[in-house]
């Protein structure tokens, strides 16, 4: 915990500086080379290479011809620039949707920058993961389970006692096998009376809790007759699975990753909250809740063309 607090202080202190080092396109003379002109706008080689890196990382991209890929990406960049120019020319950069998206995009990119910065400061040790594992051990345990077979209100030439004796001679995994044909529990009678696997102290829809409680005390293959109100049941314990705890060794890397992500979110959330404190924010509630009365005919849902 002390380490997390220290990291929070370090990160907030580091991010307090308004100057942000951003990787720019033009890092070399080669990067400054012009690969295309769209009107008076230049597209540099570094811009092309940067965009191409995202294209080639796409598993769906065709990597057979790198030169062809470059031209595909470049043509798309040229189309984007042409449409960008046209959008500005027609005043689309003043549309509400563009202005909202512009704010969201820049905030999103800056957030990614902060997340990378957080990643350099956040650290989680194996000991941290071990402490978390021990404190939350129940999350890594599989409960003990068992499986039951039943016959409800048997209608047969055999008495319930006789069916009980016959069933005890069957292999446990068979449940009640062919004897389940006499059962009035219709959803299980064609499955040897077998019910789904269930954890201890859990419940099954339509099955009296008294049966499940009795079953937990049975031995594998043991058959017992139980009466619940007006119904007579034969129950048989088919199988059991012991509770299992996943060893820390198998979870160590996963837990460290999870804790690291949690730590990053805490650091980023703290930075955002402290950034808010440094900026006057005043919500004019009366204007927020004020009913819209004017120009409603000009309002359109987001993602639709602005009229």
Protein backbone atom coordinates (compact mmCIF):
# COMPACT_ATOMS: atom_id res chain seq x y z
CA UNK A 1 0.00 0.00 0.00
CA UNK A 2 2.89 2.35 0.89
CA UNK A 3 4.40 1.71 -2.57
CA UNK A 4 1.15 2.64 -4.30
CA UNK A 5 0.88 5.91 -2.37
CA UNK A 6 4.49 6.75 -3.26
CA UNK A 7 3.86 6.01 -6.93
CA UNK A 8 0.75 8.19 -6.86
CA UNK A 9 2.84 11.11 -5.57
CA UNK A 10 5.58 10.54 -8.15
CA UNK A 11 3.14 10.31 -11.05
CA UNK A 12 1.09 13.36 -10.04
CA UNK A 13 4.28 15.35 -9.56
CA UNK A 14 5.57 14.26 -12.98
CA UNK A 15 2.30 15.10 -14.72
CA UNK A 16 2.00 18.51 -13.05
CA UNK A 17 4.40 19.95 -15.62
CA UNK A 18 2.24 21.41 -18.43
CA UNK A 19 4.95 20.63 -21.00
CA UNK A 20 4.34 17.28 -22.68
CA UNK A 21 6.98 15.55 -24.74
CA UNK A 22 5.22 14.26 -27.82
CA UNK A 23 6.82 12.14 -30.52
CA UNK A 24 6.64 14.21 -33.69
CA UNK A 25 6.62 13.00 -37.28
CA UNK A 26 9.75 14.79 -38.47
CA UNK A 27 12.65 13.08 -36.70
CA UNK A 28 15.15 12.94 -39.56
CA UNK A 29 15.94 14.45 -42.94
CA UNK A 30 14.49 11.38 -44.60
CA UNK A 31 11.29 11.81 -42.61
CA UNK A 32 10.94 15.34 -43.97
CA UNK A 33 10.83 14.12 -47.57
CA UNK A 34 7.53 14.84 -49.33
CA UNK A 35 5.78 11.76 -50.70
CA UNK A 36 2.67 13.54 -52.01
CA UNK A 37 1.14 16.98 -52.45
CA UNK A 38 -2.60 17.60 -52.09
CA UNK A 39 -3.03 21.17 -53.20
CA UNK A 40 -0.66 23.12 -50.98
CA UNK A 41 -0.58 20.43 -48.29
CA UNK A 42 2.44 18.16 -48.02
CA UNK A 43 2.33 14.54 -46.88
CA UNK A 44 5.74 13.60 -45.47
CA UNK A 45 7.46 10.26 -45.51
CA UNK A 46 7.38 10.12 -41.71
CA UNK A 47 3.59 10.60 -41.80
CA UNK A 48 3.29 7.79 -44.32
CA UNK A 49 5.57 5.46 -42.31
CA UNK A 50 3.68 6.21 -39.11
CA UNK A 51 0.33 5.39 -40.72
CA UNK A 52 1.80 2.36 -42.49
CA UNK A 53 2.93 0.92 -39.13
CA UNK A 54 -0.70 0.74 -38.00
CA UNK A 55 -1.76 -0.75 -41.35
CA UNK A 56 0.82 -3.55 -41.29
CA UNK A 57 -0.01 -4.40 -37.66
CA UNK A 58 -3.53 -5.28 -38.80
CA UNK A 59 -3.69 -9.12 -39.15
CA UNK A 60 -6.19 -8.67 -42.02
CA UNK A 61 -3.76 -6.54 -44.03
CA UNK A 62 -2.09 -8.06 -47.10
CA UNK A 63 1.63 -8.23 -46.32
CA UNK A 64 2.70 -9.96 -49.58
CA UNK A 65 3.67 -6.72 -51.32
CA UNK A 66 5.03 -3.99 -49.04
CA UNK A 67 5.25 -1.50 -51.94
CA UNK A 68 1.60 -2.11 -52.80
CA UNK A 69 0.68 -1.61 -49.13
CA UNK A 70 2.48 1.72 -49.09
CA UNK A 71 0.50 2.94 -52.07
CA UNK A 72 -2.79 1.75 -50.58
CA UNK A 73 -2.07 3.64 -47.38
CA UNK A 74 -0.85 6.71 -49.25
CA UNK A 75 -3.94 6.79 -51.48
CA UNK A 76 -6.13 6.60 -48.37
CA UNK A 77 -4.19 9.48 -46.80
CA UNK A 78 -4.65 11.52 -49.99
CA UNK A 79 -8.40 10.82 -49.96
CA UNK A 80 -8.56 11.81 -46.30
CA UNK A 81 -6.76 15.08 -47.03
CA UNK A 82 -9.03 15.84 -50.00
CA UNK A 83 -12.14 15.24 -47.87
CA UNK A 84 -10.61 17.24 -45.03
CA UNK A 85 -10.03 20.18 -47.37
CA UNK A 86 -13.57 19.94 -48.72
CA UNK A 87 -15.00 19.73 -45.22
CA UNK A 88 -13.18 22.92 -44.21
CA UNK A 89 -14.17 24.58 -47.50
CA UNK A 90 -17.84 23.82 -46.81
CA UNK A 91 -17.71 24.85 -43.16
CA UNK A 92 -18.22 21.36 -41.79
CA UNK A 93 -15.52 21.99 -39.17
CA UNK A 94 -18.07 24.24 -37.44
CA UNK A 95 -20.63 21.43 -37.04
CA UNK A 96 -21.54 20.38 -33.47
CA UNK A 97 -20.59 16.78 -34.14
CA UNK A 98 -17.12 17.68 -35.38
CA UNK A 99 -16.45 20.02 -32.47
CA UNK A 100 -17.56 17.38 -29.98
CA UNK A 101 -15.51 14.66 -31.67
CA UNK A 102 -12.48 16.94 -31.88
CA UNK A 103 -12.61 17.44 -28.11
CA UNK A 104 -13.08 13.69 -27.53
CA UNK A 105 -10.26 12.72 -29.90
CA UNK A 106 -7.66 15.03 -28.39
CA UNK A 107 -8.69 14.00 -24.86
CA UNK A 108 -8.47 10.34 -25.90
CA UNK A 109 -4.99 10.72 -27.38
CA UNK A 110 -3.76 12.64 -24.33
CA UNK A 111 -5.23 9.96 -22.08
CA UNK A 112 -3.24 7.33 -23.99
CA UNK A 113 -0.13 9.42 -23.45
CA UNK A 114 -0.84 9.55 -19.71
CA UNK A 115 -1.48 5.81 -19.59
CA UNK A 116 1.94 5.19 -21.12
CA UNK A 117 3.47 7.52 -18.56
CA UNK A 118 1.65 5.70 -15.79
CA UNK A 119 3.04 2.42 -17.08
CA UNK A 120 6.58 3.65 -16.50
CA UNK A 121 5.85 4.54 -12.87
CA UNK A 122 3.51 1.72 -11.84
CA UNK A 123 5.10 -1.42 -10.47
CA UNK A 124 3.74 -4.61 -8.91
CA UNK A 125 5.98 -7.24 -7.36
CA UNK A 126 5.37 -10.94 -6.97
CA UNK A 127 5.04 -10.31 -3.23
CA UNK A 128 2.23 -7.81 -3.91
CA UNK A 129 0.46 -10.43 -6.02
CA UNK A 130 0.96 -13.07 -3.31
CA UNK A 131 -0.60 -10.83 -0.65
CA UNK A 132 -3.55 -10.12 -2.94
CA UNK A 133 -3.94 -13.83 -3.66
CA UNK A 134 -4.02 -14.71 0.04
CA UNK A 135 -6.51 -11.93 0.81
CA UNK A 136 -8.86 -13.06 -1.95
CA UNK A 137 -8.26 -16.82 -1.89
CA UNK A 138 -11.99 -17.57 -2.21
CA UNK A 139 -11.93 -16.10 -5.74
CA UNK A 140 -9.50 -18.81 -6.83
CA UNK A 141 -11.34 -21.76 -5.37
CA UNK A 142 -13.69 -24.15 -7.15
CA UNK A 143 -16.40 -25.27 -4.77
CA UNK A 144 -16.97 -28.90 -3.93
CA UNK A 145 -19.69 -30.34 -6.18
CA UNK A 146 -21.78 -33.46 -6.44
CA UNK A 147 -24.24 -35.11 -8.81
CA UNK A 148 -27.49 -36.74 -7.86
CA UNK A 149 -29.95 -39.11 -9.58
CA UNK A 150 -33.61 -39.32 -8.57
CA UNK A 151 -36.77 -41.32 -9.11
CA UNK A 152 -39.98 -39.53 -8.16
CA UNK A 153 -43.16 -41.41 -7.14
CA UNK A 154 -42.11 -44.66 -8.85
CA UNK A 155 -44.93 -46.47 -10.65
CA UNK A 156 -43.80 -50.05 -11.09
CA UNK A 157 -44.51 -53.65 -10.16
CA UNK A 158 -41.57 -53.28 -7.77
CA UNK A 159 -41.94 -51.59 -4.44
CA UNK A 160 -39.79 -48.60 -3.60
CA UNK A 161 -37.72 -50.87 -1.37
CA UNK A 162 -37.15 -53.35 -4.21
CA UNK A 163 -36.14 -50.53 -6.60
CA UNK A 164 -33.73 -49.31 -3.99
CA UNK A 165 -32.07 -52.73 -3.80
CA UNK A 166 -31.88 -53.07 -7.61
CA UNK A 167 -30.44 -49.57 -7.98
CA UNK A 168 -27.70 -50.23 -5.43
CA UNK A 169 -26.34 -52.94 -7.74
CA UNK A 170 -25.90 -50.50 -10.68
CA UNK A 171 -22.66 -48.64 -11.36
CA UNK A 172 -22.74 -45.18 -9.71
CA UNK A 173 -22.19 -43.18 -12.92
CA UNK A 174 -25.33 -44.82 -14.42
CA UNK A 175 -27.57 -43.22 -11.83
CA UNK A 176 -30.80 -45.22 -11.84
CA UNK A 177 -30.24 -46.33 -15.43
CA UNK A 178 -33.31 -48.13 -16.88
CA UNK A 179 -35.10 -48.02 -13.52
CA UNK A 180 -35.66 -44.27 -14.05
CA UNK A 181 -38.37 -45.14 -16.58
CA UNK A 182 -40.70 -45.58 -13.59
CA UNK A 183 -40.04 -42.01 -12.39
CA UNK A 184 -42.58 -39.21 -12.54
CA UNK A 185 -39.79 -36.64 -12.78
CA UNK A 186 -40.15 -36.31 -16.54
CA UNK A 187 -37.12 -34.13 -17.34
CA UNK A 188 -34.68 -36.72 -15.94
CA UNK A 189 -36.40 -40.09 -16.47
CA UNK A 190 -34.81 -40.57 -19.90
CA UNK A 191 -31.36 -39.72 -18.51
CA UNK A 192 -31.19 -42.37 -15.83
CA UNK A 193 -32.66 -39.87 -13.37
CA UNK A 194 -29.45 -37.83 -13.49
CA UNK A 195 -29.59 -34.19 -12.39
CA UNK A 196 -27.00 -31.48 -13.21
CA UNK A 197 -23.85 -31.03 -11.15
CA UNK A 198 -24.48 -28.82 -8.14
CA UNK A 199 -22.30 -27.16 -5.52
CA UNK A 200 -22.79 -27.83 -1.84
CA UNK A 201 -25.56 -25.73 -0.28
CA UNK A 202 -26.84 -24.76 -3.73
CA UNK A 203 -30.31 -25.37 -5.12
CA UNK A 204 -31.92 -26.88 -8.23
CA UNK A 205 -35.21 -25.51 -9.60
CA UNK A 206 -38.10 -27.91 -8.99
CA UNK A 207 -36.10 -30.17 -6.66
CA UNK A 208 -36.98 -30.02 -2.94
CA UNK A 209 -34.13 -28.74 -0.79
CA UNK A 210 -34.63 -31.69 1.55
CA UNK A 211 -33.41 -34.06 -1.16
CA UNK A 212 -30.24 -32.07 -1.75
CA UNK A 213 -29.50 -31.88 1.96
CA UNK A 214 -29.92 -35.66 2.31
CA UNK A 215 -27.75 -36.29 -0.75
CA UNK A 216 -24.78 -34.39 0.70
CA UNK A 217 -24.50 -37.02 3.45
CA UNK A 218 -24.62 -40.06 1.13
CA UNK A 219 -21.70 -42.20 -0.02
CA UNK A 220 -21.03 -42.66 -3.73
CA UNK A 221 -23.54 -45.16 -5.16
CA UNK A 222 -25.68 -45.18 -2.02
CA UNK A 223 -29.48 -45.10 -2.52
CA UNK A 224 -31.91 -43.58 -0.05
CA UNK A 225 -35.68 -43.26 0.09
CA UNK A 226 -36.96 -39.80 1.08
CA UNK A 227 -40.51 -38.57 1.55
CA UNK A 228 -41.28 -34.90 0.96
CA UNK A 229 -44.90 -33.98 1.68
CA UNK A 230 -47.00 -36.21 -0.61
CA UNK A 231 -44.10 -37.32 -2.81
CA UNK A 232 -41.76 -40.29 -2.47
CA UNK A 233 -38.26 -40.06 -3.92
CA UNK A 234 -35.37 -42.44 -4.40
CA UNK A 235 -32.12 -40.51 -4.46
CA UNK A 236 -28.66 -41.74 -5.34
CA UNK A 237 -25.33 -39.98 -5.07
CA UNK A 238 -23.57 -40.49 -8.40
CA UNK A 239 -20.31 -38.59 -8.03
CA UNK A 240 -18.43 -35.98 -6.00
CA UNK A 241 -15.74 -33.43 -6.76
CA UNK A 242 -13.59 -31.98 -4.02
CA UNK A 243 -13.02 -28.26 -3.67
CA UNK A 244 -9.94 -27.14 -5.59
CA UNK A 245 -7.76 -24.07 -4.99
CA UNK A 246 -5.70 -22.86 -7.94
CA UNK A 247 -2.07 -22.58 -6.84
CA UNK A 248 -0.50 -19.12 -6.76
CA UNK A 249 2.25 -20.24 -9.12
CA UNK A 250 -0.29 -20.64 -11.93
CA UNK A 251 -1.86 -17.24 -11.23
CA UNK A 252 1.20 -15.12 -10.40
CA UNK A 253 1.63 -13.47 -13.83
CA UNK A 254 -2.12 -12.93 -14.27
CA UNK A 255 -2.47 -11.35 -10.82
CA UNK A 256 0.50 -9.05 -11.35
CA UNK A 257 -1.04 -7.88 -14.64
CA UNK A 258 -4.42 -7.29 -13.00
CA UNK A 259 -2.91 -5.36 -10.10
CA UNK A 260 -0.76 -3.31 -12.47
CA UNK A 261 -3.84 -2.31 -14.48
CA UNK A 262 -5.69 -1.39 -11.30
CA UNK A 263 -2.73 0.69 -10.17
CA UNK A 264 -2.61 2.49 -13.52
CA UNK A 265 -6.32 3.32 -13.30
CA UNK A 266 -5.86 4.69 -9.77
CA UNK A 267 -2.93 6.84 -10.86
CA UNK A 268 -4.77 8.17 -13.90
CA UNK A 269 -7.99 8.84 -11.95
CA UNK A 270 -6.04 10.73 -9.29
CA UNK A 271 -4.30 12.84 -11.93
CA UNK A 272 -7.64 13.70 -13.57
CA UNK A 273 -9.19 14.64 -10.22
CA UNK A 274 -6.21 16.85 -9.35
CA UNK A 275 -6.36 18.44 -12.80
CA UNK A 276 -10.02 19.31 -12.16
CA UNK A 277 -9.05 20.99 -8.90
CA UNK A 278 -6.71 23.31 -10.78
CA UNK A 279 -9.41 24.45 -13.21
CA UNK A 280 -12.52 26.44 -12.23
CA UNK A 281 -15.51 24.26 -13.17
CA UNK A 282 -19.00 25.66 -12.75
CA UNK A 283 -22.05 23.71 -13.95
CA UNK A 284 -24.99 26.06 -14.62
CA UNK A 285 -27.67 23.61 -13.55
CA UNK A 286 -30.60 25.88 -14.42
CA UNK A 287 -29.43 25.96 -18.04
CA UNK A 288 -28.70 22.22 -18.12
CA UNK A 289 -32.24 21.35 -17.06
CA UNK A 290 -33.92 24.13 -19.04
CA UNK A 291 -36.45 22.70 -21.56
CA UNK A 292 -35.53 23.05 -25.23
CA UNK A 293 -37.95 25.45 -26.88
CA UNK A 294 -36.18 27.14 -29.77
CA UNK A 295 -34.74 25.76 -33.02
CA UNK A 296 -35.85 22.18 -32.27
CA UNK A 297 -36.39 21.61 -35.99
CA UNK A 298 -32.64 22.01 -36.54
CA UNK A 299 -31.55 19.49 -33.92
CA UNK A 300 -30.46 16.10 -35.23
CA UNK A 301 -29.20 13.02 -33.40
CA UNK A 302 -25.42 12.49 -33.21
CA UNK A 303 -23.84 10.66 -36.16
CA UNK A 304 -26.41 12.03 -38.59
CA UNK A 305 -25.48 14.72 -41.14
CA UNK A 306 -26.01 18.21 -39.77
CA UNK A 307 -28.58 20.10 -41.79
